[in-house]
PDB file of N, CA and C in Angstrom:
ATOM      1  N   MET A   1       0.983  -1.054  -0.390  1.00  0.00           N
ATOM      2  CA  MET A   1       0.065   0.123   0.260  1.00  0.00           C
ATOM      3  C   MET A   1       1.094   1.264   0.162  1.00  0.00           C
ATOM      4  N   GLY A   2       1.900   1.317   0.723  1.00  0.00           N
ATOM      5  CA  GLY A   2       2.832   2.174   1.066  1.00  0.00           C
ATOM      6  C   GLY A   2       3.572   2.793  -0.593  1.00  0.00           C
ATOM      7  N   TYR A   3       3.918   1.729  -1.262  1.00  0.00           N
ATOM      8  CA  TYR A   3       4.429   1.735  -2.513  1.00  0.00           C
ATOM      9  C   TYR A   3       3.316   2.764  -3.475  1.00  0.00           C
ATOM     10  N   ILE A   4       2.024   2.234  -3.608  1.00  0.00           N
ATOM     11  CA  ILE A   4       0.989   2.604  -4.533  1.00  0.00           C
ATOM     12  C   ILE A   4       0.842   4.215  -4.199  1.00  0.00           C
ATOM     13  N   ASN A   5       1.217   4.801  -2.652  1.00  0.00           N
ATOM     14  CA  ASN A   5       1.128   5.952  -2.233  1.00  0.00           C
ATOM     15  C   ASN A   5       1.951   6.792  -2.885  1.00  0.00           C
ATOM     16  N   ARG A   6       3.242   6.053  -2.735  1.00  0.00           N
ATOM     17  CA  ARG A   6       4.508   6.950  -3.469  1.00  0.00           C
ATOM     18  C   ARG A   6       4.376   7.013  -4.535  1.00  0.00           C
ATOM     19  N   PHE A   7       3.588   6.156  -5.482  1.00  0.00           N
ATOM     20  CA  PHE A   7       3.935   6.375  -6.698  1.00  0.00           C
ATOM     21  C   PHE A   7       2.818   7.237  -7.431  1.00  0.00           C
ATOM     22  N   ILE A   8       1.526   7.602  -6.560  1.00  0.00           N
ATOM     23  CA  ILE A   8       0.437   8.469  -6.912  1.00  0.00           C
ATOM     24  C   ILE A   8       1.377   9.658  -6.360  1.00  0.00           C
ATOM     25  N   HIS A   9       2.207   9.838  -5.705  1.00  0.00           N
ATOM     26  CA  HIS A   9       2.632  11.139  -5.222  1.00  0.00           C
ATOM     27  C   HIS A   9       3.872  11.797  -6.303  1.00  0.00           C
ATOM     28  N   SER A  10       4.411  10.636  -6.720  1.00  0.00           N
ATOM     29  CA  SER A  10       5.483  10.939  -7.438  1.00  0.00           C
ATOM     30  C   SER A  10       5.207  11.462  -8.805  1.00  0.00           C
ATOM     31  N   ILE A  11       3.774  11.184  -9.416  1.00  0.00           N
ATOM     32  CA  ILE A  11       3.652  11.402 -10.929  1.00  0.00           C
ATOM     33  C   ILE A  11       3.547  12.947 -10.720  1.00  0.00           C
ATOM     34  N   THR A  12       3.899  13.737 -11.676  1.00  0.00           N
ATOM     35  CA  THR A  12       4.231  15.001 -12.055  1.00  0.00           C
ATOM     36  C   THR A  12       2.726  15.558 -12.625  1.00  0.00           C
ATOM     37  N   ARG A  13       2.418  16.748 -12.644  1.00  0.00           N
ATOM     38  CA  ARG A  13       1.453  17.368 -13.196  1.00  0.00           C
ATOM     39  C   ARG A  13       1.594  16.909 -14.960  1.00  0.00           C
ATOM     40  N   THR A  14       2.907  17.250 -15.584  1.00  0.00           N
ATOM     41  CA  THR A  14       2.621  17.108 -16.735  1.00  0.00           C
ATOM     42  C   THR A  14       2.561  15.297 -17.348  1.00  0.00           C
ATOM     43  N   GLN A  15       3.234  14.371 -16.321  1.00  0.00           N
ATOM     44  CA  GLN A  15       2.916  12.927 -16.779  1.00  0.00           C
ATOM     45  C   GLN A  15       1.162  12.800 -16.831  1.00  0.00           C
ATOM     46  N   LEU A  16       0.697  13.315 -15.674  1.00  0.00           N
ATOM     47  CA  LEU A  16      -0.796  12.938 -15.355  1.00  0.00           C
ATOM     48  C   LEU A  16      -1.471  13.852 -16.671  1.00  0.00           C
ATOM     49  N   GLU A  17      -1.157  14.419 -17.303  1.00  0.00           N
ATOM     50  CA  GLU A  17      -1.653  15.465 -18.354  1.00  0.00           C
ATOM     51  C   GLU A  17      -1.311  14.664 -19.623  1.00  0.00           C
ATOM     52  N   THR A  18      -0.176  13.957 -19.786  1.00  0.00           N
ATOM     53  CA  THR A  18      -0.090  13.153 -20.989  1.00  0.00           C
ATOM     54  C   THR A  18      -0.800  11.950 -20.895  1.00  0.00           C
ATOM     55  N   THR A  19      -1.027  11.549 -19.600  1.00  0.00           N
ATOM     56  CA  THR A  19      -1.671  10.475 -19.645  1.00  0.00           C
ATOM     57  C   THR A  19      -2.873  10.650 -19.737  1.00  0.00           C
ATOM     58  N   LYS A  20      -3.647  11.687 -19.455  1.00  0.00           N
ATOM     59  CA  LYS A  20      -5.019  11.947 -19.847  1.00  0.00           C
ATOM     60  C   LYS A  20      -5.561  12.282 -21.157  1.00  0.00           C
ATOM     61  N   PHE A  21      -4.432  13.035 -22.159  1.00  0.00           N
ATOM     62  CA  PHE A  21      -4.396  13.227 -23.441  1.00  0.00           C
ATOM     63  C   PHE A  21      -4.605  11.798 -24.395  1.00  0.00           C
ATOM     64  N   GLY A  22      -3.663  10.985 -23.733  1.00  0.00           N
ATOM     65  CA  GLY A  22      -3.475   9.350 -24.486  1.00  0.00           C
ATOM     66  C   GLY A  22      -4.791   9.000 -24.400  1.00  0.00           C
ATOM     67  N   PHE A  23      -5.347   8.908 -23.239  1.00  0.00           N
ATOM     68  CA  PHE A  23      -6.617   8.268 -22.669  1.00  0.00           C
ATOM     69  C   PHE A  23      -7.618   8.632 -23.707  1.00  0.00           C
ATOM     70  N   TYR A  24      -7.849  10.170 -23.697  1.00  0.00           N
ATOM     71  CA  TYR A  24      -8.994  10.825 -24.397  1.00  0.00           C
ATOM     72  C   TYR A  24      -8.683  10.525 -26.117  1.00  0.00           C
ATOM     73  N   LEU A  25      -7.435  10.597 -26.366  1.00  0.00           N
ATOM     74  CA  LEU A  25      -7.044  10.553 -27.749  1.00  0.00           C
ATOM     75  C   LEU A  25      -7.413   8.989 -28.257  1.00  0.00           C
ATOM     76  N   LEU A  26      -6.950   8.087 -27.501  1.00  0.00           N
ATOM     77  CA  LEU A  26      -7.426   6.641 -28.265  1.00  0.00           C
ATOM     78  C   LEU A  26      -8.320   6.087 -27.476  1.00  0.00           C
ATOM     79  N   SER A  27      -9.289   6.428 -26.520  1.00  0.00           N
ATOM     80  CA  SER A  27     -10.640   5.737 -26.111  1.00  0.00           C
ATOM     81  C   SER A  27     -11.630   6.188 -27.457  1.00  0.00           C
ATOM     82  N   PRO A  28     -11.989   6.710 -28.238  1.00  0.00           N
ATOM     83  CA  PRO A  28     -12.570   6.891 -29.310  1.00  0.00           C
ATOM     84  C   PRO A  28     -12.293   5.892 -30.445  1.00  0.00           C
ATOM     85  N   ILE A  29     -10.928   5.914 -30.623  1.00  0.00           N
ATOM     86  CA  ILE A  29     -10.092   5.295 -31.653  1.00  0.00           C
ATOM     87  C   ILE A  29     -10.608   3.698 -31.287  1.00  0.00           C
ATOM     88  N   LEU A  30     -10.077   3.526 -30.170  1.00  0.00           N
ATOM     89  CA  LEU A  30     -10.507   2.150 -30.082  1.00  0.00           C
ATOM     90  C   LEU A  30     -11.813   1.592 -30.187  1.00  0.00           C
ATOM     91  N   ILE A  31     -12.722   2.183 -29.464  1.00  0.00           N
ATOM     92  CA  ILE A  31     -14.275   2.130 -29.676  1.00  0.00           C
ATOM     93  C   ILE A  31     -14.633   2.024 -31.145  1.00  0.00           C
ATOM     94  N   MET A  32     -14.019   2.566 -31.970  1.00  0.00           N
ATOM     95  CA  MET A  32     -14.496   2.470 -33.408  1.00  0.00           C
ATOM     96  C   MET A  32     -13.758   1.487 -33.927  1.00  0.00           C
ATOM     97  N   TYR A  33     -12.618   1.090 -33.522  1.00  0.00           N
ATOM     98  CA  TYR A  33     -11.753   0.090 -34.231  1.00  0.00           C
ATOM     99  C   TYR A  33     -12.827  -1.537 -33.681  1.00  0.00           C
ATOM    100  N   TYR A  34     -13.298  -1.432 -32.522  1.00  0.00           N
ATOM    101  CA  TYR A  34     -14.308  -2.111 -32.130  1.00  0.00           C
ATOM    102  C   TYR A  34     -15.405  -2.818 -32.589  1.00  0.00           C
ATOM    103  N   VAL A  35     -16.097  -1.284 -33.103  1.00  0.00           N
ATOM    104  CA  VAL A  35     -17.465  -1.393 -33.565  1.00  0.00           C
ATOM    105  C   VAL A  35     -17.026  -1.764 -35.212  1.00  0.00           C
ATOM    106  N   GLY A  36     -16.161  -1.394 -35.537  1.00  0.00           N
ATOM    107  CA  GLY A  36     -15.619  -1.523 -37.061  1.00  0.00           C
ATOM    108  C   GLY A  36     -15.535  -3.070 -37.461  1.00  0.00           C
ATOM    109  N   LEU A  37     -14.921  -3.740 -36.611  1.00  0.00           N
ATOM    110  CA  LEU A  37     -14.735  -5.124 -36.704  1.00  0.00           C
ATOM    111  C   LEU A  37     -15.816  -6.270 -36.811  1.00  0.00           C
ATOM    112  N   ASP A  38     -16.368  -6.808 -37.700  1.00  0.00           N
ATOM    113  CA  ASP A  38     -16.964  -7.930 -37.862  1.00  0.00           C
ATOM    114  C   ASP A  38     -18.388  -7.075 -37.401  1.00  0.00           C
ATOM    115  N   THR A  39     -18.966  -6.067 -38.094  1.00  0.00           N
ATOM    116  CA  THR A  39     -20.360  -5.476 -38.103  1.00  0.00           C
ATOM    117  C   THR A  39     -21.131  -6.482 -38.532  1.00  0.00           C
ATOM    118  N   ASP A  40     -21.176  -7.164 -39.601  1.00  0.00           N
ATOM    119  CA  ASP A  40     -22.119  -7.911 -39.901  1.00  0.00           C
ATOM    120  C   ASP A  40     -22.500  -8.979 -38.964  1.00  0.00           C
ATOM    121  N   LYS A  41     -21.495  -9.510 -38.189  1.00  0.00           N
ATOM    122  CA  LYS A  41     -22.032 -10.195 -37.143  1.00  0.00           C
ATOM    123  C   LYS A  41     -22.186  -9.732 -35.903  1.00  0.00           C
ATOM    124  N   LYS A  42     -22.071  -8.598 -35.609  1.00  0.00           N
ATOM    125  CA  LYS A  42     -22.673  -8.126 -34.209  1.00  0.00           C
ATOM    126  C   LYS A  42     -23.852  -7.139 -34.534  1.00  0.00           C
ATOM    127  N   PHE A  43     -24.037  -6.588 -35.625  1.00  0.00           N
ATOM    128  CA  PHE A  43     -25.399  -5.683 -35.919  1.00  0.00           C
ATOM    129  C   PHE A  43     -26.549  -6.523 -36.759  1.00  0.00           C
ATOM    130  N   ASN A  44     -26.037  -7.334 -37.101  1.00  0.00           N
ATOM    131  CA  ASN A  44     -26.980  -8.086 -38.287  1.00  0.00           C
ATOM    132  C   ASN A  44     -28.245  -8.371 -37.875  1.00  0.00           C
ATOM    133  N   LEU A  45     -29.320  -7.684 -38.548  1.00  0.00           N
ATOM    134  CA  LEU A  45     -30.631  -7.844 -38.147  1.00  0.00           C
ATOM    135  C   LEU A  45     -31.339  -8.641 -39.420  1.00  0.00           C
ATOM    136  N   PRO A  46     -31.695  -9.665 -39.437  1.00  0.00           N
ATOM    137  CA  PRO A  46     -32.136 -10.513 -40.676  1.00  0.00           C
ATOM    138  C   PRO A  46     -33.466  -9.876 -41.032  1.00  0.00           C
ATOM    139  N   GLY A  47     -33.704  -9.387 -42.343  1.00  0.00           N
ATOM    140  CA  GLY A  47     -34.758  -8.468 -42.906  1.00  0.00           C
ATOM    141  C   GLY A  47     -35.082  -7.278 -42.478  1.00  0.00           C
ATOM    142  N   PHE A  48     -33.705  -6.593 -42.200  1.00  0.00           N
ATOM    143  CA  PHE A  48     -33.945  -4.983 -41.818  1.00  0.00           C
ATOM    144  C   PHE A  48     -33.706  -4.266 -43.148  1.00  0.00           C
ATOM    145  N   TRP A  49     -32.820  -4.789 -43.950  1.00  0.00           N
ATOM    146  CA  TRP A  49     -33.112  -4.131 -45.310  1.00  0.00           C
ATOM    147  C   TRP A  49     -33.805  -4.777 -46.521  1.00  0.00           C
ATOM    148  N   PRO A  50     -34.306  -3.771 -47.172  1.00  0.00           N
ATOM    149  CA  PRO A  50     -35.396  -4.464 -48.042  1.00  0.00           C
ATOM    150  C   PRO A  50     -34.363  -5.291 -48.978  1.00  0.00           C
ATOM    151  N   ASP A  51     -35.243  -6.242 -49.515  1.00  0.00           N
ATOM    152  CA  ASP A  51     -34.513  -6.795 -50.794  1.00  0.00           C
ATOM    153  C   ASP A  51     -34.230  -5.998 -52.197  1.00  0.00           C
ATOM    154  N   PRO A  52     -33.145  -5.837 -52.484  1.00  0.00           N
ATOM    155  CA  PRO A  52     -32.869  -5.124 -53.797  1.00  0.00           C
ATOM    156  C   PRO A  52     -33.714  -5.537 -55.171  1.00  0.00           C
ATOM    157  N   ALA A  53     -34.545  -6.504 -55.083  1.00  0.00           N
ATOM    158  CA  ALA A  53     -35.569  -6.910 -56.519  1.00  0.00           C
ATOM    159  C   ALA A  53     -36.855  -5.761 -56.052  1.00  0.00           C
ATOM    160  N   THR A  54     -36.688  -5.759 -54.657  1.00  0.00           N
ATOM    161  CA  THR A  54     -37.894  -4.923 -55.007  1.00  0.00           C
ATOM    162  C   THR A  54     -37.940  -3.193 -54.617  1.00  0.00           C
ATOM    163  N   LEU A  55     -36.771  -2.923 -54.716  1.00  0.00           N
ATOM    164  CA  LEU A  55     -36.720  -1.441 -54.826  1.00  0.00           C
ATOM    165  C   LEU A  55     -36.545  -0.824 -56.121  1.00  0.00           C
ATOM    166  N   ASN A  56     -36.932   0.220 -56.470  1.00  0.00           N
ATOM    167  CA  ASN A  56     -37.144   1.246 -57.181  1.00  0.00           C
ATOM    168  C   ASN A  56     -35.575   1.093 -58.160  1.00  0.00           C
ATOM    169  N   GLN A  57     -35.608   0.581 -59.447  1.00  0.00           N
ATOM    170  CA  GLN A  57     -34.564   0.773 -60.417  1.00  0.00           C
ATOM    171  C   GLN A  57     -34.454   1.912 -61.264  1.00  0.00           C
ATOM    172  N   ILE A  58     -33.310   2.674 -61.232  1.00  0.00           N
ATOM    173  CA  ILE A  58     -33.185   3.845 -61.949  1.00  0.00           C
ATOM    174  C   ILE A  58     -32.908   3.272 -63.671  1.00  0.00           C
ATOM    175  N   PRO A  59     -33.879   3.841 -64.459  1.00  0.00           N
ATOM    176  CA  PRO A  59     -33.374   3.490 -65.940  1.00  0.00           C
ATOM    177  C   PRO A  59     -32.010   4.329 -66.096  1.00  0.00           C
ATOM    178  N   LYS A  60     -31.552   3.222 -67.158  1.00  0.00           N
ATOM    179  CA  LYS A  60     -30.465   3.379 -67.481  1.00  0.00           C
ATOM    180  C   LYS A  60     -30.083   3.908 -69.069  1.00  0.00           C
ATOM    181  N   GLU A  61     -30.910   3.079 -69.695  1.00  0.00           N
ATOM    182  CA  GLU A  61     -31.120   2.750 -71.128  1.00  0.00           C
ATOM    183  C   GLU A  61     -32.101   4.092 -71.649  1.00  0.00           C
ATOM    184  N   PRO A  62     -31.515   4.931 -72.567  1.00  0.00           N
ATOM    185  CA  PRO A  62     -32.310   5.891 -73.042  1.00  0.00           C
ATOM    186  C   PRO A  62     -33.999   5.516 -73.623  1.00  0.00           C
ATOM    187  N   HIS A  63     -34.191   4.078 -74.138  1.00  0.00           N
ATOM    188  CA  HIS A  63     -35.722   3.832 -74.118  1.00  0.00           C
ATOM    189  C   HIS A  63     -36.390   3.349 -73.127  1.00  0.00           C
ATOM    190  N   GLU A  64     -35.469   3.125 -71.908  1.00  0.00           N
ATOM    191  CA  GLU A  64     -35.814   3.104 -70.452  1.00  0.00           C
ATOM    192  C   GLU A  64     -36.344   4.250 -69.998  1.00  0.00           C
ATOM    193  N   ILE A  65     -35.663   5.254 -70.151  1.00  0.00           N
ATOM    194  CA  ILE A  65     -35.811   6.707 -69.546  1.00  0.00           C
ATOM    195  C   ILE A  65     -37.094   7.013 -70.593  1.00  0.00           C
ATOM    196  N   GLN A  66     -37.078   7.289 -71.554  1.00  0.00           N
ATOM    197  CA  GLN A  66     -38.257   7.551 -72.398  1.00  0.00           C
ATOM    198  C   GLN A  66     -39.773   6.762 -71.832  1.00  0.00           C
ATOM    199  N   ALA A  67     -39.540   5.856 -71.631  1.00  0.00           N
ATOM    200  CA  ALA A  67     -40.877   4.890 -70.895  1.00  0.00           C
ATOM    201  C   ALA A  67     -40.878   5.627 -69.884  1.00  0.00           C
ATOM    202  N   GLU A  68     -40.188   5.628 -68.926  1.00  0.00           N
ATOM    203  CA  GLU A  68     -40.503   6.139 -67.596  1.00  0.00           C
ATOM    204  C   GLU A  68     -41.295   7.601 -67.743  1.00  0.00           C
ATOM    205  N   VAL A  69     -40.488   8.486 -68.633  1.00  0.00           N
ATOM    206  CA  VAL A  69     -40.942   9.930 -68.503  1.00  0.00           C
ATOM    207  C   VAL A  69     -42.466   9.754 -69.078  1.00  0.00           C
ATOM    208  N   ALA A  70     -42.838   8.916 -70.018  1.00  0.00           N
ATOM    209  CA  ALA A  70     -44.124   8.757 -70.519  1.00  0.00           C
ATOM    210  C   ALA A  70     -45.004   8.368 -69.675  1.00  0.00           C
ATOM    211  N   ARG A  71     -44.491   7.515 -68.448  1.00  0.00           N
ATOM    212  CA  ARG A  71     -45.160   6.641 -67.739  1.00  0.00           C
ATOM    213  C   ARG A  71     -45.458   7.815 -66.810  1.00  0.00           C
ATOM    214  N   ILE A  72     -44.942   8.687 -66.195  1.00  0.00           N
ATOM    215  CA  ILE A  72     -44.855  10.038 -65.445  1.00  0.00           C
ATOM    216  C   ILE A  72     -45.969  10.707 -65.779  1.00  0.00           C
ATOM    217  N   ARG A  73     -45.731  11.288 -67.247  1.00  0.00           N
ATOM    218  CA  ARG A  73     -46.778  12.377 -67.593  1.00  0.00           C
ATOM    219  C   ARG A  73     -48.198  11.763 -67.922  1.00  0.00           C
ATOM    220  N   LYS A  74     -48.014  10.306 -67.998  1.00  0.00           N
ATOM    221  CA  LYS A  74     -49.607  10.154 -68.446  1.00  0.00           C
ATOM    222  C   LYS A  74     -50.063   9.991 -66.930  1.00  0.00           C
ATOM    223  N   ALA A  75     -49.455   9.431 -65.724  1.00  0.00           N
ATOM    224  CA  ALA A  75     -49.958   9.126 -64.531  1.00  0.00           C
ATOM    225  C   ALA A  75     -50.103  11.275 -64.129  1.00  0.00           C
ATOM    226  N   ARG A  76     -49.629  12.074 -64.429  1.00  0.00           N
ATOM    227  CA  ARG A  76     -49.988  13.413 -64.134  1.00  0.00           C
ATOM    228  C   ARG A  76     -51.251  13.703 -64.913  1.00  0.00           C
ATOM    229  N   ALA A  77     -51.353  13.556 -66.102  1.00  0.00           N
ATOM    230  CA  ALA A  77     -52.544  13.938 -66.943  1.00  0.00           C
ATOM    231  C   ALA A  77     -53.765  13.175 -66.374  1.00  0.00           C
ATOM    232  N   GLU A  78     -53.558  11.765 -65.732  1.00  0.00           N
ATOM    233  CA  GLU A  78     -54.553  11.253 -65.402  1.00  0.00           C
ATOM    234  C   GLU A  78     -55.225  11.968 -64.041  1.00  0.00           C
ATOM    235  N   LYS A  79     -54.173  12.230 -63.114  1.00  0.00           N
ATOM    236  CA  LYS A  79     -54.331  12.829 -61.830  1.00  0.00           C
ATOM    237  C   LYS A  79     -55.015  14.304 -61.790  1.00  0.00           C
ATOM    238  N   ARG A  80     -54.430  15.259 -63.167  1.00  0.00           N
ATOM    239  CA  ARG A  80     -54.933  16.414 -63.376  1.00  0.00           C
ATOM    240  C   ARG A  80     -56.614  16.338 -63.775  1.00  0.00           C
ATOM    241  N   ALA A  81     -56.835  15.264 -64.798  1.00  0.00           N
ATOM    242  CA  ALA A  81     -58.106  15.195 -65.208  1.00  0.00           C
ATOM    243  C   ALA A  81     -58.904  14.632 -64.085  1.00  0.00           C
ATOM    244  N   ARG A  82     -58.786  13.849 -63.021  1.00  0.00           N
ATOM    245  CA  ARG A  82     -59.511  13.374 -61.775  1.00  0.00           C
ATOM    246  C   ARG A  82     -59.646  14.570 -61.078  1.00  0.00           C
ATOM    247  N   LEU A  83     -58.586  15.617 -60.764  1.00  0.00           N
ATOM    248  CA  LEU A  83     -58.991  16.929 -60.021  1.00  0.00           C
ATOM    249  C   LEU A  83     -59.728  17.611 -60.785  1.00  0.00           C
ATOM    250  N   GLU A  84     -59.649  17.823 -61.933  1.00  0.00           N
ATOM    251  CA  GLU A  84     -60.615  19.135 -62.547  1.00  0.00           C
ATOM    252  C   GLU A  84     -62.070  18.039 -62.723  1.00  0.00           C
ATOM    253  N   ALA A  85     -62.204  17.073 -62.608  1.00  0.00           N
ATOM    254  CA  ALA A  85     -63.599  16.413 -62.362  1.00  0.00           C
ATOM    255  C   ALA A  85     -64.345  16.315 -61.144  1.00  0.00           C
ATOM    256  N   LYS A  86     -63.547  16.574 -60.068  1.00  0.00           N
ATOM    257  CA  LYS A  86     -63.710  16.942 -58.830  1.00  0.00           C
ATOM    258  C   LYS A  86     -64.025  18.349 -58.506  1.00  0.00           C
ATOM    259  N   ALA A  87     -63.243  19.293 -59.153  1.00  0.00           N
ATOM    260  CA  ALA A  87     -63.495  20.657 -58.726  1.00  0.00           C
ATOM    261  C   ALA A  87     -64.543  20.666 -59.775  1.00  0.00           C
ATOM    262  N   LYS A  88     -65.019  20.270 -60.853  1.00  0.00           N
ATOM    263  CA  LYS A  88     -66.214  20.835 -61.605  1.00  0.00           C
ATOM    264  C   LYS A  88     -67.495  20.247 -60.699  1.00  0.00           C
ATOM    265  N   GLU A  89     -67.157  19.144 -60.062  1.00  0.00           N
ATOM    266  CA  GLU A  89     -68.362  18.537 -59.364  1.00  0.00           C
ATOM    267  C   GLU A  89     -68.545  19.346 -58.239  1.00  0.00           C
ATOM    268  N   LEU A  90     -67.505  20.155 -57.671  1.00  0.00           N
ATOM    269  CA  LEU A  90     -67.901  20.891 -56.467  1.00  0.00           C
ATOM    270  C   LEU A  90     -68.238  22.327 -56.925  1.00  0.00           C
ATOM    271  N   GLY A  91     -67.907  22.754 -58.254  1.00  0.00           N
ATOM    272  CA  GLY A  91     -68.533  23.749 -58.518  1.00  0.00           C
ATOM    273  C   GLY A  91     -67.236  24.717 -58.890  1.00  0.00           C
ATOM    274  N   ILE A  92     -66.157  24.562 -58.576  1.00  0.00           N
ATOM    275  CA  ILE A  92     -65.215  25.258 -58.745  1.00  0.00           C
ATOM    276  C   ILE A  92     -64.493  25.532 -60.108  1.00  0.00           C
ATOM    277  N   THR A  93     -64.120  26.863 -60.712  1.00  0.00           N
ATOM    278  CA  THR A  93     -64.118  27.316 -61.840  1.00  0.00           C
ATOM    279  C   THR A  93     -62.471  28.023 -61.733  1.00  0.00           C
ATOM    280  N   GLU A  94     -61.997  28.025 -62.735  1.00  0.00           N
ATOM    281  CA  GLU A  94     -60.463  28.802 -62.554  1.00  0.00           C
ATOM    282  C   GLU A  94     -60.865  30.223 -62.535  1.00  0.00           C
ATOM    283  N   GLU A  95     -61.519  30.588 -63.004  1.00  0.00           N
ATOM    284  CA  GLU A  95     -61.649  32.367 -62.579  1.00  0.00           C
ATOM    285  C   GLU A  95     -62.135  32.478 -60.988  1.00  0.00           C
ATOM    286  N   ASP A  96     -62.582  31.367 -60.321  1.00  0.00           N
ATOM    287  CA  ASP A  96     -62.804  31.277 -58.984  1.00  0.00           C
ATOM    288  C   ASP A  96     -61.448  31.317 -58.235  1.00  0.00           C
ATOM    289  N   ALA A  97     -60.183  30.735 -58.836  1.00  0.00           N
ATOM    290  CA  ALA A  97     -58.944  30.197 -58.252  1.00  0.00           C
ATOM    291  C   ALA A  97     -58.094  31.992 -58.227  1.00  0.00           C
ATOM    292  N   ASP A  98     -58.462  32.224 -59.666  1.00  0.00           N
ATOM    293  CA  ASP A  98     -57.654  33.676 -59.887  1.00  0.00           C
ATOM    294  C   ASP A  98     -58.074  34.636 -59.094  1.00  0.00           C
ATOM    295  N   GLU A  99     -59.677  35.020 -58.643  1.00  0.00           N
ATOM    296  CA  GLU A  99     -59.929  35.811 -57.814  1.00  0.00           C
ATOM    297  C   GLU A  99     -59.522  35.604 -56.359  1.00  0.00           C
ATOM    298  N   LYS A 100     -59.183  34.556 -55.899  1.00  0.00           N
ATOM    299  CA  LYS A 100     -58.707  34.533 -54.768  1.00  0.00           C
ATOM    300  C   LYS A 100     -57.180  34.988 -54.553  1.00  0.00           C
ATOM    301  N   GLU A 101     -56.503  34.894 -55.624  1.00  0.00           N
ATOM    302  CA  GLU A 101     -54.690  35.176 -55.880  1.00  0.00           C
ATOM    303  C   GLU A 101     -54.984  36.575 -55.789  1.00  0.00           C
TER     304      GLU A 101
END
């Protein structure tokens, strides 16, 4: 016990600050190193990520892009027609909308 007491009293402020600095510097690095190893094994949750086959695929070929643009335009036109029909049913006209602005 006396040896430990002498050791604690013989540490200078510089040695203490150097030790603290080393601890503060190495702690996050060691934690990142531990977490970074075998992440598939540690954090594996089956079924967490969706199957790539069920995700949206970005078109890359020109004909695929044109087909996608045509599909989007058709969907917008259908939505616009549906909203116009609903507005007509409710008695809302374009003139009413212009007056509000």
